[in-house]
C-alpha cells in the first residue's frame, strides 16, 4: 500500500466517526481527517519524491460526470481542486448525441486522489443534509442551501490550511501554494485548455444559503486539534 493510500484509509476511518450522533466526536473526527491530509501534503512537500510521484498527470477518470451541470457540485469540485493543488477542466463528450460533462483533474497523483475522495464524501454529506433540512421547501431553497454548504466548507478549508502551515517549513508552504498554478500551466501548455470556472445558480434564497453555509462551517474541517488528539484519532 502506498503512503497516500494509507493516509486515505485513515481518513476513511475518521470520516466514519464523523457520522457519530455525538456532535463533539463527529466534529473532532472530521477536523482530524482534514488536518491529517494537510499535514501529509506539507510533510511530503519537504521530501525528495520520486519522479513518478512528483510529476503532473491527467487523471484517467473524472471527479464526476453529469448530463446537466449542477452549480453547487461544480463549485465544490473547483474549491477542492484549488485547495489540493489541481487544475480541473470539463471534458465534454456526446454519447448517443447527448451532451455529457466530465470533470477531469490535472495534478500530482496524490493530490488527485485526495480531491476525488473528499469530493465524493462532501457531496454525499451535502445531499444527506439537504434531504433532512430542505425537504418540501422547493428547488431554489435546496440549491441555495447546497451553495451555502460549499461556501462554508471553503471557509473551513482555508482555516485548516493556515493552521497546518503553522507547523510546516517555509519551503513546504511555497511548494504547496504553487501546485495549483503549476497544474494550470501544465494543462495550458499540453492541452490548450482553460481551468473550469464555477457556474452560479440563477436564483439564491439568502436564508437557505445562510443555513447551508452554517452547516458547511459546522463540519469543522478547519478546527485545529492538539497533536496528541490527532495522533490518537488517526492511529
Protein backbone atom coordinates (compact mmCIF):
# COMPACT_ATOMS: atom_id res chain seq x y z
CA UNK A 1 0.00 0.00 0.00
CA UNK A 2 1.39 3.44 -0.96
CA UNK A 3 1.68 6.22 1.60
CA UNK A 4 -1.21 8.20 0.11
CA UNK A 5 -3.42 5.08 0.10
CA UNK A 6 -2.56 4.60 3.77
CA UNK A 7 -3.48 8.23 4.50
CA UNK A 8 -6.83 7.89 2.69
CA UNK A 9 -7.57 4.68 4.59
CA UNK A 10 -7.02 6.56 7.86
CA UNK A 11 -9.21 9.40 6.60
CA UNK A 12 -11.98 6.93 5.75
CA UNK A 13 -11.93 5.65 9.33
CA UNK A 14 -12.04 9.18 10.70
CA UNK A 15 -14.92 10.22 8.45
CA UNK A 16 -16.83 7.12 9.53
CA UNK A 17 -16.57 8.50 13.07
CA UNK A 18 -17.82 11.84 11.72
CA UNK A 19 -21.26 10.26 11.27
CA UNK A 20 -21.46 9.72 15.01
CA UNK A 21 -24.56 11.02 16.77
CA UNK A 22 -22.18 12.54 19.31
CA UNK A 23 -21.63 16.07 17.97
CA UNK A 24 -18.26 16.56 19.66
CA UNK A 25 -16.93 13.22 18.44
CA UNK A 26 -18.15 13.89 14.89
CA UNK A 27 -16.59 17.35 14.78
CA UNK A 28 -13.29 16.11 16.21
CA UNK A 29 -13.10 13.23 13.73
CA UNK A 30 -13.81 15.42 10.72
CA UNK A 31 -11.30 18.03 11.84
CA UNK A 32 -8.68 15.33 12.34
CA UNK A 33 -9.34 13.91 8.87
CA UNK A 34 -8.69 17.15 7.04
CA UNK A 35 -5.78 18.10 9.28
CA UNK A 36 -4.23 14.72 8.55
CA UNK A 37 -4.49 15.44 4.81
CA UNK A 38 -2.99 18.92 5.08
CA UNK A 39 -0.17 17.69 7.30
CA UNK A 40 0.58 14.85 4.88
CA UNK A 41 0.74 17.19 1.89
CA UNK A 42 3.01 19.66 3.67
CA UNK A 43 5.31 16.95 5.03
CA UNK A 44 5.72 15.18 1.68
CA UNK A 45 6.48 18.53 0.04
CA UNK A 46 9.59 18.62 2.24
CA UNK A 47 10.80 15.22 0.98
CA UNK A 48 12.66 14.32 -2.19
CA UNK A 49 9.93 12.43 -4.01
CA UNK A 50 10.49 10.01 -6.86
CA UNK A 51 9.89 11.44 -10.33
CA UNK A 52 6.85 9.18 -10.74
CA UNK A 53 5.13 10.50 -7.62
CA UNK A 54 6.10 14.13 -8.22
CA UNK A 55 5.15 14.50 -11.87
CA UNK A 56 1.98 16.19 -13.09
CA UNK A 57 -0.53 13.89 -14.77
CA UNK A 58 -4.03 13.91 -16.22
CA UNK A 59 -6.33 11.66 -14.23
CA UNK A 60 -7.59 8.63 -16.17
CA UNK A 61 -11.03 9.03 -14.64
CA UNK A 62 -13.01 12.08 -13.57
CA UNK A 63 -14.35 13.72 -10.43
CA UNK A 64 -17.92 13.35 -11.63
CA UNK A 65 -19.97 13.36 -14.79
CA UNK A 66 -23.37 14.86 -15.49
CA UNK A 67 -25.76 15.49 -18.31
CA UNK A 68 -26.70 18.79 -16.71
CA UNK A 69 -24.23 20.92 -14.75
CA UNK A 70 -25.20 21.28 -11.09
CA UNK A 71 -23.84 24.65 -9.85
CA UNK A 72 -23.07 23.62 -6.28
CA UNK A 73 -21.27 20.43 -7.35
CA UNK A 74 -19.29 22.44 -9.87
CA UNK A 75 -18.36 24.94 -7.14
CA UNK A 76 -17.40 22.17 -4.70
CA UNK A 77 -15.19 20.42 -7.27
CA UNK A 78 -13.41 23.70 -8.11
CA UNK A 79 -12.98 24.56 -4.42
CA UNK A 80 -11.42 21.19 -3.61
CA UNK A 81 -9.25 21.09 -6.73
CA UNK A 82 -7.86 24.51 -5.84
CA UNK A 83 -7.31 23.61 -2.19
CA UNK A 84 -5.50 20.38 -3.06
CA UNK A 85 -3.41 21.85 -5.88
CA UNK A 86 -5.12 20.53 -9.01
CA UNK A 87 -6.39 22.07 -12.23
CA UNK A 88 -9.83 20.98 -13.42
CA UNK A 89 -11.46 21.09 -16.82
CA UNK A 90 -14.71 19.94 -18.39
CA UNK A 91 -14.12 17.14 -20.90
CA UNK A 92 -17.38 17.19 -22.85
CA UNK A 93 -18.50 14.07 -24.72
CA UNK A 94 -21.61 13.30 -26.78
CA UNK A 95 -22.62 9.65 -26.36
CA UNK A 96 -25.70 8.95 -28.49
CA UNK A 97 -25.87 12.65 -29.33
CA UNK A 98 -26.44 13.64 -25.69
CA UNK A 99 -24.05 16.16 -24.11
CA UNK A 100 -22.28 14.84 -21.01
CA UNK A 101 -19.84 16.89 -18.94
CA UNK A 102 -16.93 15.03 -17.37
CA UNK A 103 -14.86 16.98 -14.87
CA UNK A 104 -11.25 15.85 -15.05
CA UNK A 105 -8.23 16.76 -12.93
CA UNK A 106 -4.61 17.50 -13.67
CA UNK A 107 -2.11 17.45 -10.83
CA UNK A 108 0.14 15.21 -8.80
CA UNK A 109 -1.23 11.70 -8.29
CA UNK A 110 -1.68 12.07 -4.54
CA UNK A 111 -3.44 15.44 -4.91
CA UNK A 112 -5.86 13.97 -7.47
CA UNK A 113 -6.68 11.04 -5.18
CA UNK A 114 -7.37 13.31 -2.22
CA UNK A 115 -9.51 15.72 -4.28
CA UNK A 116 -11.67 12.90 -5.66
CA UNK A 117 -12.11 11.27 -2.27
CA UNK A 118 -13.08 14.49 -0.49
CA UNK A 119 -15.46 15.44 -3.31
CA UNK A 120 -17.22 12.09 -3.02
CA UNK A 121 -17.56 12.36 0.75
CA UNK A 122 -18.64 16.02 0.89
CA UNK A 123 -21.15 15.53 -1.95
CA UNK A 124 -22.77 12.68 -0.05
CA UNK A 125 -22.74 14.72 3.18
CA UNK A 126 -24.36 17.74 1.49
CA UNK A 127 -27.05 15.58 -0.09
CA UNK A 128 -27.75 13.92 3.26
CA UNK A 129 -28.15 17.30 4.95
CA UNK A 130 -30.31 18.87 2.26
CA UNK A 131 -32.67 15.87 2.26
CA UNK A 132 -33.03 16.30 6.00
CA UNK A 133 -33.35 20.09 6.20
CA UNK A 134 -34.75 21.24 2.85
CA UNK A 135 -37.34 18.58 2.12
CA UNK A 136 -40.55 20.09 0.75
CA UNK A 137 -39.12 23.62 0.58
CA UNK A 138 -38.62 23.76 -3.17
CA UNK A 139 -35.80 23.59 -5.69
CA UNK A 140 -34.48 27.13 -5.14
CA UNK A 141 -34.22 26.56 -1.38
CA UNK A 142 -32.38 23.26 -1.90
CA UNK A 143 -29.94 24.69 -4.45
CA UNK A 144 -29.27 27.74 -2.28
CA UNK A 145 -28.69 25.53 0.76
CA UNK A 146 -26.13 23.46 -1.16
CA UNK A 147 -24.34 26.56 -2.45
CA UNK A 148 -24.18 27.85 1.10
CA UNK A 149 -22.79 24.50 2.26
CA UNK A 150 -19.95 24.77 -0.28
CA UNK A 151 -19.21 28.31 0.88
CA UNK A 152 -18.99 27.13 4.49
CA UNK A 153 -16.71 24.23 3.56
CA UNK A 154 -14.47 26.60 1.59
CA UNK A 155 -14.06 28.84 4.64
CA UNK A 156 -13.16 25.86 6.82
CA UNK A 157 -10.61 24.58 4.31
CA UNK A 158 -8.89 27.97 4.35
CA UNK A 159 -8.73 27.96 8.14
CA UNK A 160 -7.41 24.39 8.09
CA UNK A 161 -4.64 25.26 5.63
CA UNK A 162 -3.50 28.20 7.71
CA UNK A 163 -3.46 26.05 10.86
CA UNK A 164 -1.40 23.34 9.14
CA UNK A 165 1.09 25.93 7.89
CA UNK A 166 1.95 26.86 11.45
CA UNK A 167 3.75 23.52 11.80
CA UNK A 168 5.32 23.42 8.32
CA UNK A 169 8.59 24.68 6.89
CA UNK A 170 8.59 27.77 4.67
CA UNK A 171 9.89 25.66 1.76
CA UNK A 172 6.98 23.22 2.07
CA UNK A 173 4.46 26.07 2.20
CA UNK A 174 5.88 27.59 -1.01
CA UNK A 175 5.70 24.22 -2.79
CA UNK A 176 2.12 23.54 -1.71
CA UNK A 177 0.92 27.06 -2.55
CA UNK A 178 2.39 26.82 -6.07
CA UNK A 179 0.89 23.45 -7.01
CA UNK A 180 -2.38 24.72 -8.47
CA UNK A 181 -0.62 27.23 -10.74
CA UNK A 182 1.85 24.56 -11.84
CA UNK A 183 -1.05 22.26 -12.73
CA UNK A 184 -2.85 25.04 -14.62
CA UNK A 185 0.33 25.94 -16.52
CA UNK A 186 0.90 22.27 -17.40
CA UNK A 187 -2.70 21.98 -18.60
CA UNK A 188 -2.50 25.11 -20.76
CA UNK A 189 0.81 24.06 -22.32
CA UNK A 190 -0.09 20.46 -23.08
CA UNK A 191 -3.82 20.53 -23.68
CA UNK A 192 -4.60 24.12 -24.71
CA UNK A 193 -7.36 24.19 -22.12
CA UNK A 194 -8.51 26.70 -19.55
CA UNK A 195 -9.36 25.88 -15.97
CA UNK A 196 -13.04 25.39 -15.29
CA UNK A 197 -14.92 28.28 -13.71
CA UNK A 198 -17.71 27.97 -11.20
CA UNK A 199 -21.24 28.35 -12.50
CA UNK A 200 -23.78 30.17 -10.39
CA UNK A 201 -27.36 29.34 -9.59
CA UNK A 202 -29.88 31.63 -11.30
CA UNK A 203 -31.64 32.47 -8.03
CA UNK A 204 -30.44 32.35 -4.44
CA UNK A 205 -32.59 32.17 -1.31
CA UNK A 206 -30.49 34.08 1.28
CA UNK A 207 -31.99 32.24 4.25
CA UNK A 208 -31.34 28.86 2.69
CA UNK A 209 -27.82 29.90 1.68
CA UNK A 210 -27.04 31.00 5.25
CA UNK A 211 -28.47 27.78 6.68
CA UNK A 212 -26.32 25.69 4.31
CA UNK A 213 -23.24 27.82 4.99
CA UNK A 214 -23.60 27.33 8.73
CA UNK A 215 -23.80 23.57 8.22
CA UNK A 216 -20.75 23.64 5.95
CA UNK A 217 -18.85 25.57 8.60
CA UNK A 218 -20.06 23.27 11.37
CA UNK A 219 -18.34 20.31 9.72
CA UNK A 220 -15.26 21.83 11.35
CA UNK A 221 -12.85 20.93 8.57
CA UNK A 222 -10.59 23.71 9.79
CA UNK A 223 -10.81 23.32 13.54
CA UNK A 224 -7.34 22.67 14.85
CA UNK A 225 -6.83 19.80 17.25
CA UNK A 226 -3.88 19.34 19.53
CA UNK A 227 -1.22 16.98 18.18
CA UNK A 228 -1.92 14.23 20.70
CA UNK A 229 -5.62 14.20 19.78
CA UNK A 230 -4.90 13.96 16.06
CA UNK A 231 -2.44 11.09 16.56
CA UNK A 232 -4.95 9.25 18.74
CA UNK A 233 -7.74 9.54 16.19
CA UNK A 234 -5.57 8.72 13.17
CA UNK A 235 -3.82 5.67 14.60
